[in-house]
Protein backbone atom coordinates (compact mmCIF):
# COMPACT_ATOMS: atom_id res chain seq x y z
CA MET A 1 -38.80 81.35 119.87
CA ALA A 2 -39.06 78.23 121.97
CA ALA A 3 -42.47 77.25 120.63
CA ALA A 4 -42.97 74.04 118.69
CA ARG A 5 -43.75 76.11 115.59
CA ILE A 6 -42.57 79.65 114.88
CA LEU A 7 -45.05 82.47 114.22
CA ASP A 8 -47.56 82.26 111.39
CA VAL A 9 -47.45 80.71 107.92
CA VAL A 10 -46.44 83.91 106.12
CA THR A 11 -43.61 84.60 108.54
CA ASP A 12 -42.63 80.93 108.40
CA ASN A 13 -42.16 81.09 104.64
CA VAL A 14 -39.93 84.16 104.90
CA LEU A 15 -37.92 82.50 107.67
CA VAL A 16 -37.66 79.17 105.83
CA THR A 17 -36.42 80.93 102.68
CA ARG A 18 -33.73 82.79 104.64
CA LEU A 19 -32.63 79.63 106.40
CA GLU A 20 -32.63 77.48 103.27
CA ARG A 21 -30.44 79.99 101.46
CA ALA A 22 -28.09 80.16 104.44
CA LEU A 23 -27.98 76.37 104.70
CA ALA A 24 -27.02 76.08 101.03
CA ARG A 25 -24.26 78.68 101.33
CA ALA A 26 -22.95 77.07 104.50
CA TRP A 27 -22.63 73.65 102.83
CA PRO A 28 -21.49 74.54 99.32
CA ALA A 29 -21.73 72.03 96.51
CA ALA A 30 -18.96 71.58 93.97
CA GLU A 31 -21.42 72.08 91.14
CA VAL A 32 -24.67 74.06 91.03
CA ASP A 33 -27.03 74.25 88.07
CA ARG A 34 -30.38 76.04 87.83
CA MET A 35 -33.45 74.95 85.94
CA ASP A 36 -36.55 77.15 85.91
CA GLY A 37 -36.16 78.10 89.58
CA TRP A 38 -34.98 74.71 90.81
CA GLU A 39 -31.41 74.43 92.06
CA LEU A 40 -29.48 71.23 91.30
CA ARG A 41 -26.47 70.60 93.56
CA ALA A 42 -23.73 67.98 93.37
CA ALA A 43 -20.61 67.32 95.44
CA GLY A 44 -19.44 63.81 94.70
CA GLY A 45 -22.26 62.13 96.61
CA HIS A 46 -21.23 63.07 100.16
CA THR A 47 -24.31 64.25 102.11
CA ARG A 48 -27.69 64.76 100.53
CA ARG A 49 -27.61 68.46 101.40
CA ALA A 50 -24.95 69.02 98.74
CA ASN A 51 -26.30 66.40 96.31
CA SER A 52 -29.98 67.12 95.82
CA VAL A 53 -32.53 69.20 93.96
CA ASN A 54 -33.77 72.23 95.86
CA PRO A 55 -37.15 72.94 94.25
CA PHE A 56 -37.61 76.63 94.98
CA SER A 57 -40.08 78.97 93.29
CA PRO A 58 -40.69 79.57 90.44
CA HIS A 59 -41.05 76.03 89.17
CA PRO A 60 -41.05 74.33 85.77
CA ALA A 61 -44.35 74.31 83.87
CA ASP A 62 -44.01 70.63 82.93
CA LEU A 63 -43.34 68.81 86.20
CA VAL A 64 -42.82 65.32 84.78
CA ALA A 65 -40.37 66.60 82.15
CA ALA A 66 -38.52 68.62 84.78
CA VAL A 67 -38.09 65.59 87.04
CA GLY A 68 -36.79 63.65 84.06
CA LYS A 69 -34.19 66.36 83.35
CA CYS A 70 -33.08 66.25 86.97
CA GLU A 71 -32.75 62.48 86.83
CA ARG A 72 -30.56 62.66 83.75
CA TRP A 73 -28.43 65.42 85.33
CA TYR A 74 -27.67 63.32 88.40
CA ARG A 75 -27.16 60.06 86.53
CA GLU A 76 -24.64 61.78 84.26
CA ARG A 77 -22.69 62.36 87.48
CA ALA A 78 -23.22 58.79 88.75
CA LEU A 79 -25.44 60.08 91.57
CA ARG A 80 -28.86 58.96 92.70
CA PRO A 81 -31.55 61.59 91.99
CA VAL A 82 -32.62 63.13 95.30
CA PHE A 83 -35.11 65.93 96.04
CA ARG A 84 -34.96 68.03 99.20
CA LEU A 85 -38.50 68.91 100.29
CA THR A 86 -39.27 71.85 102.58
CA PRO A 87 -42.33 74.01 103.31
CA ILE A 88 -41.30 76.29 100.40
CA SER A 89 -40.87 73.53 97.81
CA ASN A 90 -42.70 74.23 94.57
CA PRO A 91 -45.04 73.17 93.14
CA ALA A 92 -47.22 72.12 96.07
CA GLY A 93 -47.93 68.71 94.54
CA LEU A 94 -44.29 67.79 94.02
CA ASP A 95 -44.13 65.41 97.00
CA ASP A 96 -47.14 63.41 95.81
CA ARG A 97 -45.84 63.36 92.24
CA LEU A 98 -42.45 62.03 93.32
CA ALA A 99 -44.13 59.37 95.47
CA SER A 100 -46.20 58.26 92.48
CA MET A 101 -42.98 57.98 90.45
CA GLY A 102 -41.46 55.58 92.99
CA TYR A 103 -39.35 58.05 94.95
CA ALA A 104 -38.93 56.80 98.51
CA GLU A 105 -39.22 59.16 101.45
CA ASP A 106 -36.12 59.15 103.60
CA GLY A 107 -35.61 60.88 106.89
CA GLY A 108 -36.99 63.90 108.62
CA THR A 109 -34.77 66.67 109.97
CA TRP A 110 -35.80 69.66 112.06
CA VAL A 111 -34.23 73.08 111.60
CA MET A 112 -34.17 74.70 115.03
CA VAL A 113 -33.91 78.45 115.63
CA GLY A 114 -33.43 80.66 118.66
CA SER A 115 -31.53 83.48 120.29
CA ILE A 116 -27.85 82.95 120.96
CA PRO A 117 -27.46 81.51 124.48
CA ASP A 118 -24.89 82.56 127.04
CA GLY A 119 -21.44 81.06 126.67
CA ALA A 120 -17.78 81.91 126.25
CA ALA A 121 -16.40 81.79 122.73
CA VAL A 122 -14.09 78.86 122.05
CA GLU A 123 -10.88 79.11 120.08
CA THR A 124 -11.53 78.64 116.38
CA THR A 125 -9.52 78.38 113.19
CA ARG A 126 -10.49 79.46 109.67
CA SER A 127 -9.74 76.00 108.30
CA PRO A 128 -9.78 72.60 109.99
CA SER A 129 -6.51 71.78 111.74
CA GLU A 130 -4.83 68.42 111.44
CA THR A 131 -5.96 67.61 115.00
CA TRP A 132 -9.53 68.57 114.11
CA LEU A 133 -9.49 66.43 110.97
CA ALA A 134 -7.95 63.49 112.80
CA ALA A 135 -10.65 63.61 115.46
CA ARG A 136 -13.37 63.81 112.83
CA GLY A 137 -11.94 60.82 111.03
CA ALA A 138 -11.62 58.77 114.20
CA TRP A 139 -15.10 59.50 115.57
CA SER A 140 -17.16 59.18 112.40
CA ALA A 141 -15.47 56.98 109.87
CA LEU A 142 -15.90 58.08 106.27
CA SER A 143 -15.30 55.78 103.37
CA ALA A 144 -12.36 56.69 101.16
CA GLU A 145 -14.89 57.40 98.42
CA TYR A 146 -16.47 60.27 100.35
CA GLU A 147 -13.56 61.71 102.31
CA ALA A 148 -12.26 63.90 99.48
CA ALA A 149 -15.76 65.19 98.71
CA TRP A 150 -16.34 66.01 102.39
CA LYS A 151 -13.05 67.91 102.69
CA GLY A 152 -13.88 69.77 99.49
CA ILE A 153 -17.14 71.00 101.01
CA LEU A 154 -15.32 72.27 104.11
CA HIS A 155 -12.69 74.11 102.09
CA ARG A 156 -15.30 75.81 99.88
CA ILE A 157 -16.87 77.60 102.84
CA SER A 158 -15.87 81.28 102.84
CA GLY A 159 -12.88 81.76 105.15
CA ASP A 160 -14.02 84.73 107.25
CA SER A 161 -17.50 83.32 107.81
CA VAL A 162 -16.52 79.96 109.28
CA GLY A 163 -14.92 78.95 112.56
CA PHE A 164 -13.74 75.41 113.25
CA GLY A 165 -13.83 74.76 116.99
CA LEU A 166 -12.36 72.06 119.20
CA VAL A 167 -12.94 71.45 122.91
CA ALA A 168 -10.40 69.38 124.82
CA THR A 169 -10.27 67.74 128.23
CA PRO A 170 -8.11 69.30 130.98
CA THR A 171 -5.31 66.98 129.88
CA GLY A 172 -5.51 68.22 126.30
CA VAL A 173 -7.30 65.25 124.75
CA PRO A 174 -9.75 66.33 121.99
CA ALA A 175 -13.29 65.82 123.26
CA ALA A 176 -15.61 67.56 120.78
CA ILE A 177 -15.35 69.22 117.40
CA GLY A 178 -17.65 71.18 115.11
CA HIS A 179 -17.87 74.36 113.14
CA ALA A 180 -20.08 77.42 112.87
CA VAL A 181 -20.94 79.51 109.83
CA VAL A 182 -22.04 83.15 110.00
CA ASP A 183 -24.44 84.45 107.34
CA GLY A 184 -25.52 88.02 108.10
CA ASP A 185 -27.39 87.93 111.40
CA LEU A 186 -27.54 84.11 111.37
CA VAL A 187 -25.02 81.68 112.81
CA GLY A 188 -25.42 77.96 112.18
CA LEU A 189 -23.90 74.98 113.95
CA TYR A 190 -22.55 72.15 111.81
CA GLY A 191 -20.90 68.78 112.27
CA LEU A 192 -20.82 68.64 116.06
CA ILE A 193 -19.29 65.37 117.19
CA VAL A 194 -18.25 64.27 120.68
CA ASP A 195 -15.74 61.50 121.26
CA PRO A 196 -17.97 58.47 122.01
CA ARG A 197 -15.83 57.68 125.07
CA LEU A 198 -16.41 61.18 126.53
CA ARG A 199 -20.11 61.75 126.01
CA ARG A 200 -22.52 63.08 128.64
CA ARG A 201 -19.82 65.20 130.27
CA GLY A 202 -20.87 68.58 128.89
CA HIS A 203 -18.31 68.81 126.09
CA GLY A 204 -20.92 69.12 123.35
CA GLU A 205 -22.84 71.82 125.20
CA ARG A 206 -19.68 73.79 125.89
CA LEU A 207 -18.67 73.62 122.24
CA SER A 208 -22.14 74.57 121.01
CA ARG A 209 -22.33 77.60 123.30
CA GLY A 210 -18.78 78.59 122.41
CA LEU A 211 -19.29 78.44 118.65
CA LEU A 212 -22.51 80.42 118.89
CA ALA A 213 -20.77 83.03 121.05
CA TRP A 214 -18.07 83.20 118.38
CA GLY A 215 -20.82 83.94 115.85
CA ARG A 216 -22.30 86.65 118.09
CA GLU A 217 -18.90 88.38 118.14
CA ARG A 218 -19.19 88.57 114.35
CA GLY A 219 -22.62 90.18 114.29
CA ALA A 220 -24.99 87.21 114.47
CA THR A 221 -28.10 87.52 116.63
CA THR A 222 -29.97 84.32 115.73
CA ALA A 223 -28.76 80.74 116.00
CA TYR A 224 -29.87 77.76 113.94
CA LEU A 225 -28.97 74.11 113.60
CA GLN A 226 -30.30 70.88 112.10
CA VAL A 227 -31.32 67.88 114.17
CA HIS A 228 -32.33 64.51 112.78
CA GLU A 229 -35.08 63.71 115.27
CA PRO A 230 -35.16 59.88 115.12
CA THR A 231 -31.46 59.56 115.98
CA SER A 232 -30.78 62.77 117.93
CA ALA A 233 -33.46 62.98 120.62
CA PRO A 234 -30.93 63.86 123.38
CA ALA A 235 -29.47 66.68 121.26
CA MET A 236 -32.92 68.05 120.49
CA ALA A 237 -33.83 67.96 124.17
CA MET A 238 -30.68 69.92 125.04
CA TYR A 239 -31.23 72.61 122.44
CA GLU A 240 -34.87 73.00 123.40
CA GLY A 241 -34.46 72.75 127.15
CA LYS A 242 -31.11 74.43 127.81
CA PHE A 243 -30.77 76.75 124.80
CA GLY A 244 -34.44 77.74 124.45
CA MET A 245 -34.47 76.98 120.74
CA GLY A 246 -37.64 76.11 118.85
CA ARG A 247 -38.44 73.90 115.87
CA ALA A 248 -38.86 76.19 112.88
CA TYR A 249 -39.63 73.62 110.16
CA GLU A 250 -38.92 70.09 109.01
CA TYR A 251 -37.37 68.99 105.74
CA ARG A 252 -37.29 65.54 104.16
CA TYR A 253 -35.80 63.85 101.14
CA ARG A 254 -37.29 61.75 98.39
CA GLN A 255 -34.79 59.68 96.47
CA ALA A 256 -34.96 57.45 93.46
CA ALA A 257 -35.31 53.80 94.42
CA ASN A 258 -33.11 52.50 91.60
CA ARG A 259 -30.16 50.90 93.38
CA GLN A 260 -28.03 51.25 90.28
CA ASP A 261 -27.62 54.91 91.23
CA ALA A 262 -24.81 55.91 93.58
CA PRO A 263 -25.90 56.84 97.11
CA GLY A 264 -26.82 60.50 97.46
């Protein structure tokens, strides 16, 4: 699975659908509504994954009217309308239609897939410990506005399917944190962060291998993760070169340009 693209188009669509469903379950929104096959998700504005339209099939017959309904739904919640676009987004012309309506393209993220690499499982907890939360807060500052929404997402993940892992230095200083979520035969890596003062010492790799090994102990056979290519080239190189993972597909967002809307 270490190829730049995985298998053929038909297999890709089956794989993308499985992964997109797993990604949604692993990062649960506070509110989910469905409209003619599209899934509208909201979680207080923290992360676009939990605050965007997932336009799956089937799709609304009147595209312009459907987009308008989505816009009203998000604005009622003081959120900017955002669409998550993947290879299975429907209808096929949605991206062009959103562009013509002034929706700006933002970001490109690869979903990477592969077999679970060798590694020893790390100690995990079913909910984030105070030490884990403190490290997360210190290494990636969240505004007060988003902190409650972020913690809500973490606590909505099913208890038995998630493991929060922490790797420390020999002296016991937290060095890297993250969590893994098992969904059938899939295990996904989420929120990996290394203390900026301790990077390039193998802590992130050790944690990644350990969390994936933890998932293997719970029946997973395939690993996946998301990498934002423009800002995470070193991480992508590690997962491709050392873990043998391949790029399955890319997803992007289109978001309304109206700055009156809250960030999504």
